[in-house]
Amino acid sequence: MTEALVVLTTFANEDDAARVARVLVEERLVACANVLPGARSIYRWKGGVADEREVVVLMKTRKQDWAALLSRLHELHPYETPELVALRVAAGAPAYMAWLEDALAPGDA
């Protein structure tokens, strides 16, 4: 079984999040991206504490695609220092995992 990852990132607005998510799916770097508006992020930034509305994006991919995804996200992401965190998937429904593999395979599907 392929080692799957869930990758998290955030954006300032839904349009940027959807634009980047679509590119990553089209380029087969992620099988799926869930765009979740309505987050409130409180974090340290440049000597202060920021409190901002953000959009969270959850992306599903394979460990073998992490380096390419990381590089492409840095090219596409509007933030100076984007959150890019990958979590290993301990287990997944066999049909979903097969779909993930198919969605990331090269080809016209």
PDB file of N, CA and C in Angstrom:
ATOM      1  N   MET A   1       0.844  -1.198   0.000  1.00  0.00           N
ATOM      2  CA  MET A   1       0.000   0.000   0.000  1.00  0.00           C
ATOM      3  C   MET A   1       0.883   1.253   0.000  1.00  0.00           C
ATOM      4  N   THR A   2       0.509   2.224  -0.798  1.00  0.00           N
ATOM      5  CA  THR A   2       1.203   3.501  -0.869  1.00  0.00           C
ATOM      6  C   THR A   2       1.072   4.227   0.463  1.00  0.00           C
ATOM      7  N   GLU A   3       2.141   4.901   0.881  1.00  0.00           N
ATOM      8  CA  GLU A   3       2.047   5.708   2.095  1.00  0.00           C
ATOM      9  C   GLU A   3       1.398   7.035   1.742  1.00  0.00           C
ATOM     10  N   ALA A   4       0.226   7.273   2.297  1.00  0.00           N
ATOM     11  CA  ALA A   4      -0.549   8.482   2.015  1.00  0.00           C
ATOM     12  C   ALA A   4      -0.248   9.558   3.041  1.00  0.00           C
ATOM     13  N   LEU A   5      -0.419  10.805   2.608  1.00  0.00           N
ATOM     14  CA  LEU A   5      -0.244  11.966   3.473  1.00  0.00           C
ATOM     15  C   LEU A   5      -1.469  12.860   3.365  1.00  0.00           C
ATOM     16  N   VAL A   6      -1.785  13.522   4.475  1.00  0.00           N
ATOM     17  CA  VAL A   6      -2.719  14.648   4.468  1.00  0.00           C
ATOM     18  C   VAL A   6      -1.861  15.878   4.715  1.00  0.00           C
ATOM     19  N   VAL A   7      -1.931  16.825   3.803  1.00  0.00           N
ATOM     20  CA  VAL A   7      -1.118  18.038   3.880  1.00  0.00           C
ATOM     21  C   VAL A   7      -2.028  19.210   4.203  1.00  0.00           C
ATOM     22  N   LEU A   8      -1.619  20.016   5.175  1.00  0.00           N
ATOM     23  CA  LEU A   8      -2.400  21.182   5.593  1.00  0.00           C
ATOM     24  C   LEU A   8      -1.680  22.458   5.184  1.00  0.00           C
ATOM     25  N   THR A   9      -2.471  23.420   4.750  1.00  0.00           N
ATOM     26  CA  THR A   9      -1.977  24.762   4.507  1.00  0.00           C
ATOM     27  C   THR A   9      -3.123  25.738   4.749  1.00  0.00           C
ATOM     28  N   THR A  10      -2.814  27.014   4.787  1.00  0.00           N
ATOM     29  CA  THR A  10      -3.829  28.048   4.968  1.00  0.00           C
ATOM     30  C   THR A  10      -3.608  29.164   3.955  1.00  0.00           C
ATOM     31  N   PHE A  11      -4.700  29.873   3.656  1.00  0.00           N
ATOM     32  CA  PHE A  11      -4.673  31.012   2.742  1.00  0.00           C
ATOM     33  C   PHE A  11      -5.467  32.150   3.348  1.00  0.00           C
ATOM     34  N   ALA A  12      -5.235  33.354   2.859  1.00  0.00           N
ATOM     35  CA  ALA A  12      -5.956  34.524   3.353  1.00  0.00           C
ATOM     36  C   ALA A  12      -7.393  34.582   2.834  1.00  0.00           C
ATOM     37  N   ASN A  13      -7.632  33.953   1.670  1.00  0.00           N
ATOM     38  CA  ASN A  13      -8.981  34.018   1.106  1.00  0.00           C
ATOM     39  C   ASN A  13      -9.295  32.755   0.307  1.00  0.00           C
ATOM     40  N   GLU A  14     -10.581  32.551   0.082  1.00  0.00           N
ATOM     41  CA  GLU A  14     -11.068  31.342  -0.577  1.00  0.00           C
ATOM     42  C   GLU A  14     -10.662  31.279  -2.050  1.00  0.00           C
ATOM     43  N   ASP A  15     -10.594  32.424  -2.723  1.00  0.00           N
ATOM     44  CA  ASP A  15     -10.212  32.429  -4.130  1.00  0.00           C
ATOM     45  C   ASP A  15      -8.792  31.920  -4.335  1.00  0.00           C
ATOM     46  N   ASP A  16      -7.842  32.407  -3.525  1.00  0.00           N
ATOM     47  CA  ASP A  16      -6.457  31.923  -3.622  1.00  0.00           C
ATOM     48  C   ASP A  16      -6.386  30.438  -3.299  1.00  0.00           C
ATOM     49  N   ALA A  17      -7.101  30.023  -2.262  1.00  0.00           N
ATOM     50  CA  ALA A  17      -7.094  28.620  -1.860  1.00  0.00           C
ATOM     51  C   ALA A  17      -7.605  27.730  -2.984  1.00  0.00           C
ATOM     52  N   ALA A  18      -8.718  28.095  -3.596  1.00  0.00           N
ATOM     53  CA  ALA A  18      -9.306  27.296  -4.671  1.00  0.00           C
ATOM     54  C   ALA A  18      -8.411  27.293  -5.912  1.00  0.00           C
ATOM     55  N   ARG A  19      -7.824  28.436  -6.217  1.00  0.00           N
ATOM     56  CA  ARG A  19      -6.946  28.533  -7.391  1.00  0.00           C
ATOM     57  C   ARG A  19      -5.755  27.582  -7.249  1.00  0.00           C
ATOM     58  N   VAL A  20      -5.089  27.618  -6.110  1.00  0.00           N
ATOM     59  CA  VAL A  20      -3.926  26.759  -5.879  1.00  0.00           C
ATOM     60  C   VAL A  20      -4.350  25.295  -5.811  1.00  0.00           C
ATOM     61  N   ALA A  21      -5.443  25.008  -5.119  1.00  0.00           N
ATOM     62  CA  ALA A  21      -5.930  23.628  -5.013  1.00  0.00           C
ATOM     63  C   ALA A  21      -6.205  23.049  -6.393  1.00  0.00           C
ATOM     64  N   ARG A  22      -6.849  23.815  -7.247  1.00  0.00           N
ATOM     65  CA  ARG A  22      -7.172  23.336  -8.602  1.00  0.00           C
ATOM     66  C   ARG A  22      -5.903  23.019  -9.384  1.00  0.00           C
ATOM     67  N   VAL A  23      -4.911  23.893  -9.320  1.00  0.00           N
ATOM     68  CA  VAL A  23      -3.647  23.651 -10.028  1.00  0.00           C
ATOM     69  C   VAL A  23      -3.006  22.355  -9.532  1.00  0.00           C
ATOM     70  N   LEU A  24      -2.982  22.156  -8.227  1.00  0.00           N
ATOM     71  CA  LEU A  24      -2.335  20.969  -7.667  1.00  0.00           C
ATOM     72  C   LEU A  24      -3.064  19.682  -8.050  1.00  0.00           C
ATOM     73  N   VAL A  25      -4.397  19.735  -8.122  1.00  0.00           N
ATOM     74  CA  VAL A  25      -5.162  18.560  -8.572  1.00  0.00           C
ATOM     75  C   VAL A  25      -4.922  18.331 -10.061  1.00  0.00           C
ATOM     76  N   GLU A  26      -4.973  19.401 -10.854  1.00  0.00           N
ATOM     77  CA  GLU A  26      -4.749  19.267 -12.295  1.00  0.00           C
ATOM     78  C   GLU A  26      -3.366  18.712 -12.603  1.00  0.00           C
ATOM     79  N   GLU A  27      -2.366  19.092 -11.805  1.00  0.00           N
ATOM     80  CA  GLU A  27      -0.995  18.623 -12.014  1.00  0.00           C
ATOM     81  C   GLU A  27      -0.737  17.268 -11.356  1.00  0.00           C
ATOM     82  N   ARG A  28      -1.764  16.694 -10.736  1.00  0.00           N
ATOM     83  CA  ARG A  28      -1.692  15.381 -10.082  1.00  0.00           C
ATOM     84  C   ARG A  28      -0.681  15.335  -8.939  1.00  0.00           C
ATOM     85  N   LEU A  29      -0.478  16.471  -8.285  1.00  0.00           N
ATOM     86  CA  LEU A  29       0.353  16.492  -7.081  1.00  0.00           C
ATOM     87  C   LEU A  29      -0.473  16.165  -5.846  1.00  0.00           C
ATOM     88  N   VAL A  30      -1.787  16.405  -5.930  1.00  0.00           N
ATOM     89  CA  VAL A  30      -2.721  15.988  -4.889  1.00  0.00           C
ATOM     90  C   VAL A  30      -3.924  15.351  -5.573  1.00  0.00           C
ATOM     91  N   ALA A  31      -4.517  14.375  -4.901  1.00  0.00           N
ATOM     92  CA  ALA A  31      -5.699  13.710  -5.439  1.00  0.00           C
ATOM     93  C   ALA A  31      -6.955  14.510  -5.143  1.00  0.00           C
ATOM     94  N   CYS A  32      -6.928  15.230  -4.033  1.00  0.00           N
ATOM     95  CA  CYS A  32      -8.111  15.934  -3.552  1.00  0.00           C
ATOM     96  C   CYS A  32      -7.659  17.075  -2.652  1.00  0.00           C
ATOM     97  N   ALA A  33      -8.393  18.166  -2.680  1.00  0.00           N
ATOM     98  CA  ALA A  33      -8.139  19.276  -1.771  1.00  0.00           C
ATOM     99  C   ALA A  33      -9.476  19.767  -1.225  1.00  0.00           C
ATOM    100  N   ASN A  34      -9.603  19.816   0.070  1.00  0.00           N
ATOM    101  CA  ASN A  34     -10.802  20.337   0.719  1.00  0.00           C
ATOM    102  C   ASN A  34     -10.524  21.765   1.157  1.00  0.00           C
ATOM    103  N   VAL A  35     -11.309  22.702   0.647  1.00  0.00           N
ATOM    104  CA  VAL A  35     -11.160  24.122   0.962  1.00  0.00           C
ATOM    105  C   VAL A  35     -12.178  24.452   2.050  1.00  0.00           C
ATOM    106  N   LEU A  36     -11.673  24.800   3.223  1.00  0.00           N
ATOM    107  CA  LEU A  36     -12.508  24.997   4.410  1.00  0.00           C
ATOM    108  C   LEU A  36     -12.413  26.447   4.886  1.00  0.00           C
ATOM    109  N   PRO A  37     -13.308  27.317   4.428  1.00  0.00           N
ATOM    110  CA  PRO A  37     -13.280  28.707   4.891  1.00  0.00           C
ATOM    111  C   PRO A  37     -13.761  28.826   6.333  1.00  0.00           C
ATOM    112  N   GLY A  38     -13.486  29.964   6.914  1.00  0.00           N
ATOM    113  CA  GLY A  38     -14.028  30.258   8.243  1.00  0.00           C
ATOM    114  C   GLY A  38     -13.087  29.992   9.399  1.00  0.00           C
ATOM    115  N   ALA A  39     -11.826  29.704   9.127  1.00  0.00           N
ATOM    116  CA  ALA A  39     -10.877  29.470  10.222  1.00  0.00           C
ATOM    117  C   ALA A  39     -10.428  30.801  10.810  1.00  0.00           C
ATOM    118  N   ARG A  40     -10.089  30.755  12.058  1.00  0.00           N
ATOM    119  CA  ARG A  40      -9.480  31.905  12.723  1.00  0.00           C
ATOM    120  C   ARG A  40      -8.135  31.440  13.242  1.00  0.00           C
ATOM    121  N   SER A  41      -7.061  32.057  12.767  1.00  0.00           N
ATOM    122  CA  SER A  41      -5.709  31.664  13.140  1.00  0.00           C
ATOM    123  C   SER A  41      -5.098  32.724  14.046  1.00  0.00           C
ATOM    124  N   ILE A  42      -4.563  32.267  15.146  1.00  0.00           N
ATOM    125  CA  ILE A  42      -3.860  33.139  16.093  1.00  0.00           C
ATOM    126  C   ILE A  42      -2.444  32.592  16.183  1.00  0.00           C
ATOM    127  N   TYR A  43      -1.464  33.427  15.826  1.00  0.00           N
ATOM    128  CA  TYR A  43      -0.093  32.932  15.708  1.00  0.00           C
ATOM    129  C   TYR A  43       0.918  34.059  15.903  1.00  0.00           C
ATOM    130  N   ARG A  44       2.137  33.675  16.215  1.00  0.00           N
ATOM    131  CA  ARG A  44       3.230  34.641  16.334  1.00  0.00           C
ATOM    132  C   ARG A  44       3.752  34.966  14.945  1.00  0.00           C
ATOM    133  N   TRP A  45       3.979  36.252  14.694  1.00  0.00           N
ATOM    134  CA  TRP A  45       4.517  36.669  13.403  1.00  0.00           C
ATOM    135  C   TRP A  45       5.231  37.996  13.548  1.00  0.00           C
ATOM    136  N   LYS A  46       6.507  37.998  13.216  1.00  0.00           N
ATOM    137  CA  LYS A  46       7.336  39.206  13.192  1.00  0.00           C
ATOM    138  C   LYS A  46       7.238  40.002  14.490  1.00  0.00           C
ATOM    139  N   GLY A  47       7.424  39.320  15.594  1.00  0.00           N
ATOM    140  CA  GLY A  47       7.496  39.976  16.887  1.00  0.00           C
ATOM    141  C   GLY A  47       6.170  40.268  17.562  1.00  0.00           C
ATOM    142  N   GLY A  48       5.080  39.869  16.967  1.00  0.00           N
ATOM    143  CA  GLY A  48       3.776  40.126  17.561  1.00  0.00           C
ATOM    144  C   GLY A  48       2.876  38.910  17.448  1.00  0.00           C
ATOM    145  N   VAL A  49       1.641  39.107  17.883  1.00  0.00           N
ATOM    146  CA  VAL A  49       0.649  38.046  17.774  1.00  0.00           C
ATOM    147  C   VAL A  49      -0.401  38.505  16.763  1.00  0.00           C
ATOM    148  N   ALA A  50      -0.581  37.697  15.730  1.00  0.00           N
ATOM    149  CA  ALA A  50      -1.570  37.996  14.695  1.00  0.00           C
ATOM    150  C   ALA A  50      -2.851  37.229  14.988  1.00  0.00           C
ATOM    151  N   ASP A  51      -3.964  37.779  14.598  1.00  0.00           N
ATOM    152  CA  ASP A  51      -5.279  37.161  14.757  1.00  0.00           C
ATOM    153  C   ASP A  51      -6.020  37.422  13.448  1.00  0.00           C
ATOM    154  N   GLU A  52      -6.078  36.409  12.590  1.00  0.00           N
ATOM    155  CA  GLU A  52      -6.572  36.590  11.227  1.00  0.00           C
ATOM    156  C   GLU A  52      -7.607  35.534  10.851  1.00  0.00           C
ATOM    157  N   ARG A  53      -8.508  35.887   9.960  1.00  0.00           N
ATOM    158  CA  ARG A  53      -9.401  34.922   9.324  1.00  0.00           C
ATOM    159  C   ARG A  53      -8.618  34.256   8.201  1.00  0.00           C
ATOM    160  N   GLU A  54      -8.735  32.946   8.098  1.00  0.00           N
ATOM    161  CA  GLU A  54      -8.030  32.216   7.050  1.00  0.00           C
ATOM    162  C   GLU A  54      -8.910  31.104   6.495  1.00  0.00           C
ATOM    163  N   VAL A  55      -8.433  30.513   5.425  1.00  0.00           N
ATOM    164  CA  VAL A  55      -9.067  29.369   4.792  1.00  0.00           C
ATOM    165  C   VAL A  55      -8.093  28.204   4.925  1.00  0.00           C
ATOM    166  N   VAL A  56      -8.545  27.112   5.509  1.00  0.00           N
ATOM    167  CA  VAL A  56      -7.711  25.921   5.652  1.00  0.00           C
ATOM    168  C   VAL A  56      -7.924  25.029   4.441  1.00  0.00           C
ATOM    169  N   VAL A  57      -6.838  24.464   3.932  1.00  0.00           N
ATOM    170  CA  VAL A  57      -6.922  23.512   2.830  1.00  0.00           C
ATOM    171  C   VAL A  57      -6.272  22.211   3.272  1.00  0.00           C
ATOM    172  N   LEU A  58      -7.039  21.116   3.164  1.00  0.00           N
ATOM    173  CA  LEU A  58      -6.550  19.773   3.449  1.00  0.00           C
ATOM    174  C   LEU A  58      -6.353  19.075   2.112  1.00  0.00           C
ATOM    175  N   MET A  59      -5.152  18.579   1.873  1.00  0.00           N
ATOM    176  CA  MET A  59      -4.839  17.931   0.602  1.00  0.00           C
ATOM    177  C   MET A  59      -4.388  16.502   0.855  1.00  0.00           C
ATOM    178  N   LYS A  60      -4.802  15.594  -0.037  1.00  0.00           N
ATOM    179  CA  LYS A  60      -4.406  14.205   0.082  1.00  0.00           C
ATOM    180  C   LYS A  60      -3.447  13.857  -1.043  1.00  0.00           C
ATOM    181  N   THR A  61      -2.315  13.228  -0.658  1.00  0.00           N
ATOM    182  CA  THR A  61      -1.291  12.872  -1.630  1.00  0.00           C
ATOM    183  C   THR A  61      -0.529  11.656  -1.141  1.00  0.00           C
ATOM    184  N   ARG A  62       0.559  11.331  -1.828  1.00  0.00           N
ATOM    185  CA  ARG A  62       1.433  10.219  -1.436  1.00  0.00           C
ATOM    186  C   ARG A  62       2.761  10.770  -0.949  1.00  0.00           C
ATOM    187  N   LYS A  63       3.396  10.029  -0.067  1.00  0.00           N
ATOM    188  CA  LYS A  63       4.696  10.443   0.459  1.00  0.00           C
ATOM    189  C   LYS A  63       5.690  10.670  -0.674  1.00  0.00           C
ATOM    190  N   GLN A  64       5.647   9.825  -1.682  1.00  0.00           N
ATOM    191  CA  GLN A  64       6.588   9.940  -2.800  1.00  0.00           C
ATOM    192  C   GLN A  64       6.423  11.257  -3.568  1.00  0.00           C
ATOM    193  N   ASP A  65       5.277  11.919  -3.440  1.00  0.00           N
ATOM    194  CA  ASP A  65       5.027  13.179  -4.135  1.00  0.00           C
ATOM    195  C   ASP A  65       5.290  14.413  -3.263  1.00  0.00           C
ATOM    196  N   TRP A  66       5.694  14.203  -2.014  1.00  0.00           N
ATOM    197  CA  TRP A  66       5.868  15.302  -1.059  1.00  0.00           C
ATOM    198  C   TRP A  66       6.850  16.360  -1.558  1.00  0.00           C
ATOM    199  N   ALA A  67       8.033  15.964  -2.012  1.00  0.00           N
ATOM    200  CA  ALA A  67       9.048  16.947  -2.420  1.00  0.00           C
ATOM    201  C   ALA A  67       8.539  17.817  -3.568  1.00  0.00           C
ATOM    202  N   ALA A  68       7.913  17.207  -4.561  1.00  0.00           N
ATOM    203  CA  ALA A  68       7.384  17.974  -5.691  1.00  0.00           C
ATOM    204  C   ALA A  68       6.246  18.887  -5.252  1.00  0.00           C
ATOM    205  N   LEU A  69       5.373  18.383  -4.379  1.00  0.00           N
ATOM    206  CA  LEU A  69       4.262  19.184  -3.869  1.00  0.00           C
ATOM    207  C   LEU A  69       4.787  20.373  -3.069  1.00  0.00           C
ATOM    208  N   LEU A  70       5.737  20.138  -2.207  1.00  0.00           N
ATOM    209  CA  LEU A  70       6.320  21.207  -1.398  1.00  0.00           C
ATOM    210  C   LEU A  70       6.910  22.300  -2.285  1.00  0.00           C
ATOM    211  N   SER A  71       7.658  21.900  -3.283  1.00  0.00           N
ATOM    212  CA  SER A  71       8.264  22.862  -4.201  1.00  0.00           C
ATOM    213  C   SER A  71       7.195  23.669  -4.945  1.00  0.00           C
ATOM    214  N   ARG A  72       6.184  22.977  -5.446  1.00  0.00           N
ATOM    215  CA  ARG A  72       5.132  23.661  -6.214  1.00  0.00           C
ATOM    216  C   ARG A  72       4.302  24.580  -5.334  1.00  0.00           C
ATOM    217  N   LEU A  73       4.006  24.154  -4.117  1.00  0.00           N
ATOM    218  CA  LEU A  73       3.258  25.017  -3.198  1.00  0.00           C
ATOM    219  C   LEU A  73       4.026  26.297  -2.897  1.00  0.00           C
ATOM    220  N   HIS A  74       5.339  26.196  -2.734  1.00  0.00           N
ATOM    221  CA  HIS A  74       6.132  27.402  -2.497  1.00  0.00           C
ATOM    222  C   HIS A  74       6.087  28.341  -3.697  1.00  0.00           C
ATOM    223  N   GLU A  75       5.993  27.793  -4.900  1.00  0.00           N
ATOM    224  CA  GLU A  75       5.885  28.629  -6.101  1.00  0.00           C
ATOM    225  C   GLU A  75       4.525  29.325  -6.175  1.00  0.00           C
ATOM    226  N   LEU A  76       3.468  28.613  -5.811  1.00  0.00           N
ATOM    227  CA  LEU A  76       2.096  29.104  -5.996  1.00  0.00           C
ATOM    228  C   LEU A  76       1.551  29.911  -4.823  1.00  0.00           C
ATOM    229  N   HIS A  77       2.032  29.652  -3.624  1.00  0.00           N
ATOM    230  CA  HIS A  77       1.428  30.216  -2.410  1.00  0.00           C
ATOM    231  C   HIS A  77       1.774  31.692  -2.259  1.00  0.00           C
ATOM    232  N   PRO A  78       0.779  32.527  -1.956  1.00  0.00           N
ATOM    233  CA  PRO A  78       1.037  33.965  -1.806  1.00  0.00           C
ATOM    234  C   PRO A  78       1.718  34.355  -0.488  1.00  0.00           C
ATOM    235  N   TYR A  79       1.719  33.484   0.519  1.00  0.00           N
ATOM    236  CA  TYR A  79       2.326  33.837   1.801  1.00  0.00           C
ATOM    237  C   TYR A  79       3.846  33.796   1.725  1.00  0.00           C
ATOM    238  N   GLU A  80       4.471  34.669   2.497  1.00  0.00           N
ATOM    239  CA  GLU A  80       5.930  34.681   2.617  1.00  0.00           C
ATOM    240  C   GLU A  80       6.435  33.370   3.218  1.00  0.00           C
ATOM    241  N   THR A  81       5.765  32.895   4.262  1.00  0.00           N
ATOM    242  CA  THR A  81       6.120  31.648   4.925  1.00  0.00           C
ATOM    243  C   THR A  81       4.843  30.829   5.112  1.00  0.00           C
ATOM    244  N   PRO A  82       4.429  30.085   4.082  1.00  0.00           N
ATOM    245  CA  PRO A  82       3.177  29.334   4.206  1.00  0.00           C
ATOM    246  C   PRO A  82       3.304  28.143   5.149  1.00  0.00           C
ATOM    247  N   GLU A  83       2.205  27.845   5.808  1.00  0.00           N
ATOM    248  CA  GLU A  83       2.115  26.620   6.595  1.00  0.00           C
ATOM    249  C   GLU A  83       2.024  25.454   5.618  1.00  0.00           C
ATOM    250  N   LEU A  84       2.953  24.529   5.708  1.00  0.00           N
ATOM    251  CA  LEU A  84       2.943  23.329   4.880  1.00  0.00           C
ATOM    252  C   LEU A  84       3.331  22.168   5.788  1.00  0.00           C
ATOM    253  N   VAL A  85       2.330  21.447   6.256  1.00  0.00           N
ATOM    254  CA  VAL A  85       2.526  20.376   7.223  1.00  0.00           C
ATOM    255  C   VAL A  85       1.933  19.098   6.653  1.00  0.00           C
ATOM    256  N   ALA A  86       2.712  18.025   6.681  1.00  0.00           N
ATOM    257  CA  ALA A  86       2.230  16.731   6.188  1.00  0.00           C
ATOM    258  C   ALA A  86       2.057  15.770   7.358  1.00  0.00           C
ATOM    259  N   LEU A  87       0.915  15.085   7.371  1.00  0.00           N
ATOM    260  CA  LEU A  87       0.611  14.085   8.388  1.00  0.00           C
ATOM    261  C   LEU A  87       0.462  12.736   7.707  1.00  0.00           C
ATOM    262  N   ARG A  88       1.095  11.714   8.252  1.00  0.00           N
ATOM    263  CA  ARG A  88       0.969  10.376   7.683  1.00  0.00           C
ATOM    264  C   ARG A  88      -0.414   9.805   7.971  1.00  0.00           C
ATOM    265  N   VAL A  89      -0.952   9.116   6.998  1.00  0.00           N
ATOM    266  CA  VAL A  89      -2.231   8.434   7.161  1.00  0.00           C
ATOM    267  C   VAL A  89      -1.925   7.036   7.697  1.00  0.00           C
ATOM    268  N   ALA A  90      -2.424   6.733   8.893  1.00  0.00           N
ATOM    269  CA  ALA A  90      -2.158   5.436   9.519  1.00  0.00           C
ATOM    270  C   ALA A  90      -2.911   4.315   8.819  1.00  0.00           C
ATOM    271  N   ALA A  91      -4.106   4.594   8.352  1.00  0.00           N
ATOM    272  CA  ALA A  91      -4.924   3.598   7.669  1.00  0.00           C
ATOM    273  C   ALA A  91      -5.964   4.321   6.834  1.00  0.00           C
ATOM    274  N   GLY A  92      -6.456   3.627   5.821  1.00  0.00           N
ATOM    275  CA  GLY A  92      -7.492   4.209   4.976  1.00  0.00           C
ATOM    276  C   GLY A  92      -8.340   3.104   4.378  1.00  0.00           C
ATOM    277  N   ALA A  93      -9.576   3.419   4.072  1.00  0.00           N
ATOM    278  CA  ALA A  93     -10.462   2.454   3.430  1.00  0.00           C
ATOM    279  C   ALA A  93      -9.817   2.004   2.123  1.00  0.00           C
ATOM    280  N   PRO A  94      -9.769   0.703   1.871  1.00  0.00           N
ATOM    281  CA  PRO A  94      -9.102   0.202   0.663  1.00  0.00           C
ATOM    282  C   PRO A  94      -9.595   0.858  -0.630  1.00  0.00           C
ATOM    283  N   ALA A  95     -10.880   1.055  -0.772  1.00  0.00           N
ATOM    284  CA  ALA A  95     -11.398   1.670  -1.997  1.00  0.00           C
ATOM    285  C   ALA A  95     -10.922   3.114  -2.130  1.00  0.00           C
ATOM    286  N   TYR A  96     -10.885   3.844  -1.025  1.00  0.00           N
ATOM    287  CA  TYR A  96     -10.404   5.231  -1.067  1.00  0.00           C
ATOM    288  C   TYR A  96      -8.919   5.280  -1.416  1.00  0.00           C
ATOM    289  N   MET A  97      -8.144   4.393  -0.817  1.00  0.00           N
ATOM    290  CA  MET A  97      -6.707   4.380  -1.075  1.00  0.00           C
ATOM    291  C   MET A  97      -6.427   4.019  -2.538  1.00  0.00           C
ATOM    292  N   ALA A  98      -7.221   3.123  -3.110  1.00  0.00           N
ATOM    293  CA  ALA A  98      -7.072   2.774  -4.525  1.00  0.00           C
ATOM    294  C   ALA A  98      -7.433   3.976  -5.399  1.00  0.00           C
ATOM    295  N   TRP A  99      -8.500   4.692  -5.024  1.00  0.00           N
ATOM    296  CA  TRP A  99      -8.881   5.897  -5.764  1.00  0.00           C
ATOM    297  C   TRP A  99      -7.757   6.924  -5.710  1.00  0.00           C
ATOM    298  N   LEU A 100      -7.169   7.139  -4.531  1.00  0.00           N
ATOM    299  CA  LEU A 100      -6.083   8.103  -4.368  1.00  0.00           C
ATOM    300  C   LEU A 100      -4.939   7.765  -5.315  1.00  0.00           C
ATOM    301  N   GLU A 101      -4.566   6.502  -5.341  1.00  0.00           N
ATOM    302  CA  GLU A 101      -3.487   6.053  -6.218  1.00  0.00           C
ATOM    303  C   GLU A 101      -3.838   6.318  -7.687  1.00  0.00           C
ATOM    304  N   ASP A 102      -5.056   5.980  -8.087  1.00  0.00           N
ATOM    305  CA  ASP A 102      -5.496   6.210  -9.466  1.00  0.00           C
ATOM    306  C   ASP A 102      -5.511   7.696  -9.816  1.00  0.00           C
ATOM    307  N   ALA A 103      -5.976   8.521  -8.891  1.00  0.00           N
ATOM    308  CA  ALA A 103      -6.091   9.954  -9.139  1.00  0.00           C
ATOM    309  C   ALA A 103      -4.720  10.617  -9.340  1.00  0.00           C
ATOM    310  N   LEU A 104      -3.684  10.030  -8.758  1.00  0.00           N
ATOM    311  CA  LEU A 104      -2.342  10.598  -8.854  1.00  0.00           C
ATOM    312  C   LEU A 104      -1.509   9.976  -9.963  1.00  0.00           C
ATOM    313  N   ALA A 105      -2.026   8.925 -10.588  1.00  0.00           N
ATOM    314  CA  ALA A 105      -1.283   8.258 -11.666  1.00  0.00           C
ATOM    315  C   ALA A 105      -1.267   9.130 -12.914  1.00  0.00           C
ATOM    316  N   PRO A 106      -0.159   9.116 -13.634  1.00  0.00           N
ATOM    317  CA  PRO A 106      -0.129   9.881 -14.889  1.00  0.00           C
ATOM    318  C   PRO A 106      -1.159   9.334 -15.866  1.00  0.00           C
ATOM    319  N   GLY A 107      -1.680  10.191 -16.726  1.00  0.00           N
ATOM    320  CA  GLY A 107      -2.636   9.732 -17.722  1.00  0.00           C
ATOM    321  C   GLY A 107      -3.770  10.705 -17.915  1.00  0.00           C
ATOM    322  N   ASP A 108      -4.773  10.262 -18.616  1.00  0.00           N
ATOM    323  CA  ASP A 108      -5.913  11.112 -18.979  1.00  0.00           C
ATOM    324  C   ASP A 108      -7.114  10.952 -18.061  1.00  0.00           C
ATOM    325  N   ALA A 109      -7.069  10.028 -17.112  1.00  0.00           N
ATOM    326  CA  ALA A 109      -8.244   9.718 -16.270  1.00  0.00           C
ATOM    327  C   ALA A 109      -8.694  10.908 -15.463  1.00  0.00           C
TER     328      ALA A 109
END
